[in-house]
Amino acid sequence: MAGLDDYQFFSTLREKDNPFWQKAAEDKEQPTDTMEHFRRPTEFPENLLNPAKASPNPPPPKAQTPRTNELEIQKMQDVQMEKYGELSINIVSLCAQNLLSHPFIVVRRQCQVDINSYRYHILPITLVPALIHIQSFQGFSAFWKGLGSVLTVRGMTLGVEDCLSKFTPWPKEISPHSSLKTIGQHLLLKCSALALITPFYSASLVETVQSEIASEKPGVLDVFKEGLTRLLSFTQPQTGRMLPVWLLIVPTVTHGVLQYIIGNAVSTLTSQVLRHYHRQDQHKQGAVSKENGSFLDASVRLQSAFVGHMAADVILYPLETILHRLHMQGTRTIIDSLDVGYEVKPILTRYEGFFDCLNTTLQDEGILGLFKGFGALCIQYALYGAVLKFAQVIIQEVTLALVPPKPKPKVQEEHMPLPAEQGQ
């Protein structure tokens, strides 16, 4: 280690630009103990050997400029407003899907179960006179009947799925990267929940189509009472023409699972297409963002879900017609006639199963008999989409109005260099 000490000694003299045989004035004032000034390289500083001796006052952090604070505050405000916009558009979509669409669901179901009607109402315009007559005789409440039972059945479905996912290894949610086994278990969870809810779905369907002027108004708990009654008589119906529950489970589960699969597939495809067009617009504008805002994500997700639900309802409309007719058989229900709008008629059918109902419908009513009330579905999704788009535009404009505009960065003007003087 002596060689290293000599190297350190001579390097110190070289820095001072002084020969080693001459002593500078500052060297004469220093003590002669060279070991105190020239330590071995292997010795550690005292502040590393003993952290307690280190300086108690660390250097203060760099002070943030007012410009940095303004940018951080503005970024937090933008994120907060995007969250408010996302919450608002979600609430509007939920209300439009469950409340605004219910009157058209009622009309659609009444058309589907009416086997003796001579008007099929495939186009929306044919429904207008009948709806005006029903409103004039029964009021607007005739279009909101059964809303409580429909929401109850939807809540029960979610509750049953949650309970089954906790007591079984079946996952409640899946991702695009899930394995086939996980997807199969998830679909099995959906099938089990739909099978358990089938009798309550029948009771809710009766409340949505029965006439208010010819039937007693159902109570709040009637959907539970009627559903439990049909569930207890699982194999033997309580009336002669009513089908047992086990015959209704297979078409109900099939319709529900197909609606779920088709809706999610179309929704995923639509989401990818919308995001692709959005990135193309950003490329055209010359500003591609690394991350999309929460409001934009919510808008794309809701538009994709809207297209998925609409595609599933349109594709499975004939299956839904057969399913509702099977559920209504033997319930002794009196419905409003949508041929003229001021008459009532009973539902009298005698189907033995799904395929018997399908063959009878095709023979008596033709292929268009499976699409009775399709005009109500068109009005439902047209109004739903218009409200969703209008709310999206309004919420976006309000959000942009509340967020202060971003200041434009200052650009320094470029000055031309002075010409060099001639003659130098």
Protein backbone atom coordinates (compact mmCIF):
# COMPACT_ATOMS: atom_id res chain seq x y z
CA MET A 1 0.00 0.00 0.00
CA ALA A 2 3.07 2.27 0.19
CA GLY A 3 3.02 2.73 -3.54
CA LEU A 4 -0.53 4.05 -3.37
CA ASP A 5 0.43 6.52 -0.63
CA ASP A 6 3.32 7.85 -2.69
CA TYR A 7 1.08 8.19 -5.72
CA GLN A 8 -1.42 10.21 -3.68
CA PHE A 9 1.38 12.41 -2.31
CA PHE A 10 2.86 13.22 -5.72
CA SER A 11 -0.58 13.76 -7.27
CA THR A 12 -1.32 16.33 -4.57
CA LEU A 13 1.92 18.17 -5.35
CA ARG A 14 1.13 18.07 -9.07
CA GLU A 15 -2.21 19.72 -8.46
CA LYS A 16 -0.49 22.50 -6.51
CA ASP A 17 2.03 22.95 -9.37
CA ASN A 18 4.94 22.92 -6.92
CA PRO A 19 8.09 20.73 -6.89
CA PHE A 20 8.22 18.32 -4.04
CA TRP A 21 11.54 19.82 -2.67
CA GLN A 22 9.91 23.23 -2.19
CA LYS A 23 7.27 23.93 0.40
CA ALA A 24 4.52 26.34 -0.24
CA ALA A 25 3.44 28.89 2.29
CA GLU A 26 0.19 27.06 3.05
CA ASP A 27 2.15 23.82 3.62
CA LYS A 28 4.30 25.50 6.26
CA GLU A 29 1.20 26.53 8.25
CA GLN A 30 -0.19 22.98 8.27
CA PRO A 31 0.92 20.46 10.93
CA THR A 32 3.69 18.10 10.07
CA ASP A 33 1.62 15.01 10.75
CA THR A 34 1.22 13.70 7.22
CA MET A 35 -0.84 10.72 8.30
CA GLU A 36 -3.67 13.05 9.28
CA HIS A 37 -3.83 14.55 5.82
CA PHE A 38 -2.87 11.58 3.66
CA ARG A 39 -5.04 8.66 4.64
CA ARG A 40 -4.81 5.26 3.12
CA PRO A 41 -7.32 4.57 0.41
CA THR A 42 -8.61 1.57 2.37
CA GLU A 43 -9.85 3.75 5.25
CA PHE A 44 -13.58 4.61 5.16
CA PRO A 45 -14.88 8.08 5.94
CA GLU A 46 -16.17 8.50 9.47
CA ASN A 47 -19.68 9.38 8.33
CA LEU A 48 -19.94 5.94 6.66
CA LEU A 49 -18.43 4.02 9.58
CA ASN A 50 -20.66 5.84 12.08
CA PRO A 51 -23.83 7.32 10.57
CA ALA A 52 -24.55 9.14 13.83
CA LYS A 53 -21.64 11.49 13.11
CA ALA A 54 -23.08 12.46 9.77
CA SER A 55 -24.42 15.93 9.29
CA PRO A 56 -27.82 16.17 11.03
CA ASN A 57 -29.14 18.69 8.54
CA PRO A 58 -29.49 17.10 5.10
CA PRO A 59 -29.53 19.40 2.11
CA PRO A 60 -32.98 20.86 1.56
CA PRO A 61 -34.97 19.56 -1.45
CA LYS A 62 -35.13 21.60 -4.53
CA ALA A 63 -37.87 24.16 -4.35
CA GLN A 64 -40.61 23.71 -6.93
CA THR A 65 -41.25 26.62 -9.17
CA PRO A 66 -44.75 28.14 -9.36
CA ARG A 67 -45.00 26.87 -12.92
CA THR A 68 -44.55 23.26 -11.76
CA ASN A 69 -47.19 23.64 -9.04
CA GLU A 70 -49.69 25.07 -11.52
CA LEU A 71 -49.16 22.15 -13.91
CA GLU A 72 -49.66 19.58 -11.14
CA ILE A 73 -52.82 21.27 -9.87
CA GLN A 74 -54.20 21.53 -13.39
CA LYS A 75 -53.46 17.84 -14.03
CA MET A 76 -55.26 16.84 -10.83
CA GLN A 77 -58.26 18.95 -11.83
CA ASP A 78 -58.39 17.32 -15.26
CA VAL A 79 -58.32 13.82 -13.74
CA GLN A 80 -61.03 14.76 -11.23
CA MET A 81 -63.31 16.19 -13.91
CA GLU A 82 -62.82 13.09 -16.08
CA LYS A 83 -63.89 10.92 -13.15
CA TYR A 84 -67.02 13.04 -12.67
CA GLY A 85 -67.77 12.76 -16.38
CA GLU A 86 -67.31 8.99 -16.30
CA LEU A 87 -69.62 8.66 -13.29
CA SER A 88 -72.27 10.85 -14.94
CA ILE A 89 -72.30 8.92 -18.21
CA ASN A 90 -72.53 5.63 -16.29
CA ILE A 91 -75.53 6.87 -14.31
CA VAL A 92 -77.28 8.07 -17.46
CA SER A 93 -76.68 4.72 -19.16
CA LEU A 94 -77.99 2.80 -16.16
CA CYS A 95 -81.18 4.88 -16.00
CA ALA A 96 -81.75 4.63 -19.75
CA GLN A 97 -81.25 0.86 -19.76
CA ASN A 98 -83.50 0.08 -16.79
CA LEU A 99 -86.07 2.90 -16.67
CA LEU A 100 -86.38 4.50 -20.09
CA SER A 101 -86.47 1.17 -21.93
CA HIS A 102 -89.09 -0.47 -19.71
CA PRO A 103 -92.25 0.85 -21.47
CA PHE A 104 -91.05 -0.59 -24.77
CA ILE A 105 -90.18 -3.90 -23.09
CA VAL A 106 -93.79 -4.06 -21.84
CA VAL A 107 -95.20 -3.39 -25.30
CA ARG A 108 -92.83 -5.85 -26.92
CA ARG A 109 -93.74 -8.67 -24.56
CA GLN A 110 -97.45 -8.04 -25.00
CA CYS A 111 -97.06 -8.39 -28.76
CA GLN A 112 -94.99 -11.55 -28.42
CA VAL A 113 -97.48 -13.47 -26.27
CA ASP A 114 -100.58 -12.39 -28.22
CA ILE A 115 -101.09 -15.32 -30.62
CA ASN A 116 -104.46 -14.10 -31.95
CA SER A 117 -103.43 -10.59 -33.03
CA TYR A 118 -103.73 -9.79 -36.72
CA ARG A 119 -101.26 -6.90 -36.52
CA TYR A 120 -97.66 -7.95 -36.02
CA HIS A 121 -96.24 -4.45 -35.34
CA ILE A 122 -92.94 -5.20 -37.02
CA LEU A 123 -92.60 -1.53 -37.99
CA PRO A 124 -92.64 1.16 -35.28
CA ILE A 125 -95.23 3.31 -37.03
CA THR A 126 -97.99 0.70 -36.57
CA LEU A 127 -97.67 0.89 -32.78
CA VAL A 128 -98.48 4.59 -32.50
CA PRO A 129 -102.35 4.37 -32.68
CA ALA A 130 -102.52 1.49 -30.20
CA LEU A 131 -100.19 3.22 -27.73
CA ILE A 132 -102.25 6.41 -27.93
CA HIS A 133 -105.46 4.50 -27.18
CA ILE A 134 -103.92 2.65 -24.23
CA GLN A 135 -102.60 5.90 -22.78
CA SER A 136 -105.95 7.61 -23.13
CA PHE A 137 -107.85 4.77 -21.40
CA GLN A 138 -105.32 3.62 -18.75
CA GLY A 139 -102.77 6.42 -18.45
CA PHE A 140 -98.98 6.27 -18.53
CA SER A 141 -98.91 3.78 -15.67
CA ALA A 142 -99.92 1.05 -18.13
CA PHE A 143 -96.43 1.23 -19.64
CA TRP A 144 -94.58 1.00 -16.32
CA LYS A 145 -96.25 -2.09 -14.91
CA GLY A 146 -93.94 -4.79 -13.60
CA LEU A 147 -90.93 -2.47 -13.26
CA GLY A 148 -90.33 -3.47 -9.65
CA SER A 149 -90.42 -7.18 -10.41
CA VAL A 150 -88.06 -6.79 -13.39
CA LEU A 151 -85.50 -4.96 -11.27
CA THR A 152 -85.97 -7.52 -8.50
CA VAL A 153 -85.22 -10.42 -10.83
CA ARG A 154 -82.11 -8.68 -12.15
CA GLY A 155 -80.91 -8.06 -8.62
CA MET A 156 -81.61 -11.66 -7.65
CA THR A 157 -79.60 -12.88 -10.63
CA LEU A 158 -76.59 -10.85 -9.57
CA GLY A 159 -76.98 -12.00 -5.98
CA VAL A 160 -77.19 -15.67 -6.92
CA GLU A 161 -74.10 -15.36 -9.12
CA ASP A 162 -72.19 -13.73 -6.27
CA CYS A 163 -73.18 -16.45 -3.80
CA LEU A 164 -72.30 -19.25 -6.20
CA SER A 165 -68.90 -17.70 -6.94
CA LYS A 166 -68.11 -17.62 -3.20
CA PHE A 167 -69.08 -21.23 -2.47
CA THR A 168 -67.77 -22.75 -5.71
CA PRO A 169 -64.51 -22.38 -7.70
CA TRP A 170 -66.46 -20.82 -10.57
CA PRO A 171 -65.18 -17.29 -11.34
CA LYS A 172 -67.63 -14.42 -11.44
CA GLU A 173 -65.60 -12.42 -13.96
CA ILE A 174 -63.20 -13.34 -16.73
CA SER A 175 -60.69 -11.51 -18.89
CA PRO A 176 -59.69 -11.87 -22.55
CA HIS A 177 -56.60 -13.79 -21.38
CA SER A 178 -58.55 -16.38 -19.37
CA SER A 179 -58.10 -20.05 -20.18
CA LEU A 180 -60.80 -22.24 -21.71
CA LYS A 181 -61.31 -23.95 -18.37
CA THR A 182 -61.93 -20.62 -16.64
CA ILE A 183 -64.36 -19.53 -19.35
CA GLY A 184 -66.23 -22.83 -19.09
CA GLN A 185 -66.55 -22.47 -15.32
CA HIS A 186 -67.78 -18.91 -15.75
CA LEU A 187 -70.47 -20.03 -18.21
CA LEU A 188 -71.44 -22.80 -15.81
CA LEU A 189 -71.95 -20.14 -13.14
CA LYS A 190 -74.23 -18.20 -15.50
CA CYS A 191 -76.23 -21.33 -16.34
CA SER A 192 -76.75 -22.22 -12.68
CA ALA A 193 -77.92 -18.72 -11.79
CA LEU A 194 -80.37 -18.60 -14.72
CA ALA A 195 -81.77 -22.02 -13.81
CA LEU A 196 -82.47 -20.93 -10.22
CA ILE A 197 -84.10 -17.67 -11.34
CA THR A 198 -86.39 -19.29 -13.96
CA PRO A 199 -89.59 -19.49 -11.82
CA PHE A 200 -89.16 -15.89 -10.64
CA TYR A 201 -88.66 -14.79 -14.24
CA SER A 202 -92.03 -16.36 -15.08
CA ALA A 203 -93.72 -14.43 -12.28
CA SER A 204 -92.11 -11.17 -13.41
CA LEU A 205 -93.19 -11.77 -17.02
CA VAL A 206 -96.82 -12.13 -15.94
CA GLU A 207 -96.73 -8.80 -14.11
CA THR A 208 -95.36 -6.95 -17.16
CA VAL A 209 -97.99 -8.14 -19.65
CA GLN A 210 -101.23 -8.46 -17.66
CA SER A 211 -103.84 -5.74 -18.13
CA GLU A 212 -104.35 -3.32 -15.25
CA ILE A 213 -108.06 -2.82 -15.98
CA ALA A 214 -108.86 -6.55 -16.01
CA SER A 215 -106.48 -7.83 -13.30
CA GLU A 216 -105.61 -7.03 -9.72
CA LYS A 217 -102.60 -4.88 -9.16
CA PRO A 218 -99.73 -7.11 -7.95
CA GLY A 219 -98.08 -6.47 -4.62
CA VAL A 220 -94.42 -5.91 -3.90
CA LEU A 221 -93.77 -9.46 -2.71
CA ASP A 222 -95.97 -11.24 -5.24
CA VAL A 223 -92.99 -11.99 -7.48
CA PHE A 224 -91.39 -13.94 -4.61
CA LYS A 225 -94.60 -15.75 -3.72
CA GLU A 226 -95.42 -16.78 -7.27
CA GLY A 227 -91.82 -17.72 -7.97
CA LEU A 228 -91.53 -19.92 -4.90
CA THR A 229 -94.85 -21.57 -5.72
CA ARG A 230 -93.63 -22.53 -9.18
CA LEU A 231 -90.26 -23.60 -7.79
CA LEU A 232 -91.83 -25.96 -5.24
CA SER A 233 -93.98 -27.54 -7.95
CA PHE A 234 -90.84 -28.31 -9.95
CA THR A 235 -92.12 -31.36 -11.81
CA GLN A 236 -95.90 -31.01 -11.48
CA PRO A 237 -97.53 -27.70 -12.49
CA GLN A 238 -100.16 -26.12 -10.28
CA THR A 239 -102.68 -25.87 -13.14
CA GLY A 240 -103.51 -28.18 -16.02
CA ARG A 241 -101.95 -26.19 -18.89
CA MET A 242 -98.98 -24.66 -17.05
CA LEU A 243 -95.69 -26.20 -18.04
CA PRO A 244 -93.45 -27.55 -15.27
CA VAL A 245 -90.31 -25.62 -14.42
CA TRP A 246 -87.94 -28.29 -15.65
CA LEU A 247 -89.31 -27.84 -19.18
CA LEU A 248 -88.70 -24.08 -18.99
CA ILE A 249 -85.15 -24.24 -17.62
CA VAL A 250 -83.45 -25.44 -20.82
CA PRO A 251 -84.83 -22.73 -23.18
CA THR A 252 -84.42 -20.03 -20.51
CA VAL A 253 -80.78 -20.94 -19.80
CA THR A 254 -80.05 -21.29 -23.53
CA HIS A 255 -81.49 -17.86 -24.28
CA GLY A 256 -79.65 -16.21 -21.39
CA VAL A 257 -76.25 -17.76 -22.17
CA LEU A 258 -76.51 -17.02 -25.90
CA GLN A 259 -77.48 -13.44 -25.13
CA TYR A 260 -74.46 -13.12 -22.84
CA ILE A 261 -72.01 -14.64 -25.36
CA ILE A 262 -73.28 -12.70 -28.38
CA GLY A 263 -73.47 -9.44 -26.46
CA ASN A 264 -69.91 -9.71 -25.13
CA ALA A 265 -68.47 -10.82 -28.48
CA VAL A 266 -70.07 -7.93 -30.39
CA SER A 267 -69.18 -5.49 -27.59
CA THR A 268 -65.49 -6.51 -27.67
CA LEU A 269 -65.33 -6.21 -31.45
CA THR A 270 -67.04 -2.81 -31.39
CA SER A 271 -64.68 -1.56 -28.70
CA GLN A 272 -61.62 -2.49 -30.77
CA VAL A 273 -63.07 -0.78 -33.85
CA LEU A 274 -63.88 2.43 -31.94
CA ARG A 275 -60.43 2.58 -30.37
CA HIS A 276 -58.83 1.99 -33.77
CA TYR A 277 -60.74 4.91 -35.32
CA HIS A 278 -59.88 7.07 -32.33
CA ARG A 279 -56.14 6.38 -32.78
CA GLN A 280 -56.45 7.17 -36.48
CA ASP A 281 -58.04 10.53 -35.64
CA GLN A 282 -55.19 11.25 -33.25
CA HIS A 283 -52.63 10.41 -35.95
CA LYS A 284 -54.37 12.78 -38.35
CA GLN A 285 -54.30 15.55 -35.75
CA GLY A 286 -50.64 14.83 -35.01
CA ALA A 287 -51.10 14.27 -31.26
CA VAL A 288 -51.15 10.66 -30.13
CA SER A 289 -51.78 10.24 -26.40
CA LYS A 290 -50.09 7.41 -24.54
CA GLU A 291 -53.06 6.86 -22.24
CA ASN A 292 -56.72 7.53 -22.90
CA GLY A 293 -58.78 9.45 -20.39
CA SER A 294 -61.28 7.77 -18.12
CA PHE A 295 -64.18 9.64 -19.76
CA LEU A 296 -63.14 8.43 -23.20
CA ASP A 297 -62.80 4.87 -21.92
CA ALA A 298 -66.25 5.04 -20.33
CA SER A 299 -67.78 6.40 -23.55
CA VAL A 300 -66.22 3.66 -25.66
CA ARG A 301 -67.26 1.00 -23.17
CA LEU A 302 -70.87 2.19 -23.03
CA GLN A 303 -71.17 2.50 -26.81
CA SER A 304 -69.77 -1.01 -27.20
CA ALA A 305 -72.18 -2.38 -24.59
CA PHE A 306 -75.08 -0.64 -26.35
CA VAL A 307 -74.20 -2.23 -29.69
CA GLY A 308 -73.68 -5.63 -28.05
CA HIS A 309 -77.08 -5.61 -26.29
CA MET A 310 -78.84 -4.48 -29.44
CA ALA A 311 -77.20 -7.17 -31.58
CA ALA A 312 -78.05 -9.90 -29.06
CA ASP A 313 -81.70 -8.81 -28.80
CA VAL A 314 -82.13 -8.64 -32.58
CA ILE A 315 -80.51 -12.02 -33.25
CA LEU A 316 -82.34 -13.83 -30.46
CA TYR A 317 -85.73 -12.16 -30.94
CA PRO A 318 -87.47 -15.29 -32.38
CA LEU A 319 -86.12 -17.41 -29.52
CA GLU A 320 -87.36 -14.85 -27.01
CA THR A 321 -90.84 -14.96 -28.55
CA ILE A 322 -91.08 -18.75 -28.14
CA LEU A 323 -89.66 -18.53 -24.61
CA HIS A 324 -92.22 -15.95 -23.45
CA ARG A 325 -95.11 -17.95 -24.86
CA LEU A 326 -93.97 -21.02 -22.94
CA HIS A 327 -93.69 -19.06 -19.71
CA MET A 328 -97.16 -17.55 -20.09
CA GLN A 329 -99.00 -20.81 -20.78
CA GLY A 330 -101.49 -21.75 -18.06
CA THR A 331 -101.09 -18.53 -16.06
CA ARG A 332 -104.67 -17.35 -16.79
CA THR A 333 -103.40 -13.90 -17.76
CA ILE A 334 -105.50 -11.24 -19.51
CA ILE A 335 -103.56 -8.81 -21.65
CA ASP A 336 -104.28 -5.59 -23.53
CA SER A 337 -104.96 -6.02 -27.22
CA LEU A 338 -102.55 -3.97 -29.31
CA ASP A 339 -104.65 -4.32 -32.46
CA VAL A 340 -106.82 -1.35 -31.48
CA GLY A 341 -105.62 -0.44 -27.98
CA TYR A 342 -108.88 -0.51 -25.99
CA GLU A 343 -109.70 -4.22 -25.75
CA VAL A 344 -108.46 -7.08 -23.56
CA LYS A 345 -108.07 -10.77 -24.36
CA PRO A 346 -107.01 -13.91 -22.47
CA ILE A 347 -104.00 -16.07 -23.34
CA LEU A 348 -105.13 -19.59 -24.20
CA THR A 349 -102.42 -21.92 -25.49
CA ARG A 350 -101.66 -25.64 -25.25
CA TYR A 351 -98.02 -26.22 -26.09
CA GLU A 352 -96.20 -29.38 -25.07
CA GLY A 353 -92.70 -28.00 -25.29
CA PHE A 354 -90.29 -25.74 -27.14
CA PHE A 355 -90.40 -27.42 -30.54
CA ASP A 356 -94.18 -27.82 -30.44
CA CYS A 357 -94.52 -24.07 -29.79
CA LEU A 358 -92.11 -23.31 -32.64
CA ASN A 359 -93.92 -25.53 -35.16
CA THR A 360 -97.36 -24.23 -34.15
CA THR A 361 -96.24 -20.61 -34.48
CA LEU A 362 -94.77 -21.18 -37.93
CA GLN A 363 -97.91 -22.98 -39.13
CA ASP A 364 -100.46 -20.52 -37.75
CA GLU A 365 -98.64 -17.18 -38.01
CA GLY A 366 -95.78 -17.74 -40.44
CA ILE A 367 -92.18 -16.74 -40.05
CA LEU A 368 -93.18 -13.16 -39.22
CA GLY A 369 -95.06 -14.46 -36.20
CA LEU A 370 -91.69 -14.89 -34.49
CA PHE A 371 -91.03 -11.15 -34.89
CA LYS A 372 -94.25 -9.75 -33.43
CA GLY A 373 -93.55 -6.47 -31.65
CA PHE A 374 -90.20 -5.93 -33.33
CA GLY A 375 -91.13 -2.28 -33.88
CA ALA A 376 -91.10 -1.72 -30.12
CA LEU A 377 -87.53 -3.03 -30.01
CA CYS A 378 -86.55 -0.56 -32.73
CA ILE A 379 -88.06 2.36 -30.81
CA GLN A 380 -86.40 1.18 -27.60
CA TYR A 381 -82.86 1.17 -28.95
CA ALA A 382 -83.35 4.28 -31.07
CA LEU A 383 -84.41 6.26 -28.01
CA TYR A 384 -81.76 4.61 -25.84
CA GLY A 385 -78.99 5.48 -28.29
CA ALA A 386 -80.22 9.05 -28.74
CA VAL A 387 -80.34 9.68 -24.99
CA LEU A 388 -76.91 8.12 -24.52
CA LYS A 389 -75.36 10.24 -27.28
CA PHE A 390 -77.06 13.43 -26.11
CA ALA A 391 -75.94 12.87 -22.51
CA GLN A 392 -72.40 12.13 -23.67
CA VAL A 393 -72.17 15.39 -25.63
CA ILE A 394 -73.69 17.47 -22.82
CA ILE A 395 -71.44 15.96 -20.12
CA GLN A 396 -68.37 16.41 -22.29
CA GLU A 397 -69.18 20.06 -22.99
CA VAL A 398 -69.85 20.76 -19.30
CA THR A 399 -66.60 19.06 -18.34
CA LEU A 400 -64.62 21.13 -20.85
CA ALA A 401 -66.35 24.31 -19.65
CA LEU A 402 -65.48 23.68 -15.99
CA VAL A 403 -61.84 22.82 -16.66
CA PRO A 404 -59.78 26.00 -17.25
CA PRO A 405 -58.09 26.19 -20.64
CA LYS A 406 -54.47 25.13 -20.74
CA PRO A 407 -52.07 28.03 -21.32
CA LYS A 408 -50.15 27.90 -24.54
CA PRO A 409 -46.40 27.47 -24.13
CA LYS A 410 -44.35 30.54 -24.91
CA VAL A 411 -42.24 30.18 -28.02
CA GLN A 412 -39.14 32.31 -28.23
CA GLU A 413 -38.76 34.22 -31.44
CA GLU A 414 -35.73 33.33 -33.49
CA HIS A 415 -33.48 36.26 -34.29
CA MET A 416 -31.32 36.36 -37.35
CA PRO A 417 -27.58 36.63 -36.59
CA LEU A 418 -25.95 39.94 -37.31
CA PRO A 419 -23.95 40.06 -40.54
CA ALA A 420 -20.20 39.92 -40.09
CA GLU A 421 -18.43 43.24 -40.51
CA GLN A 422 -16.54 43.54 -43.73
CA GLY A 423 -12.93 44.58 -43.83
CA GLN A 424 -11.84 42.64 -40.74
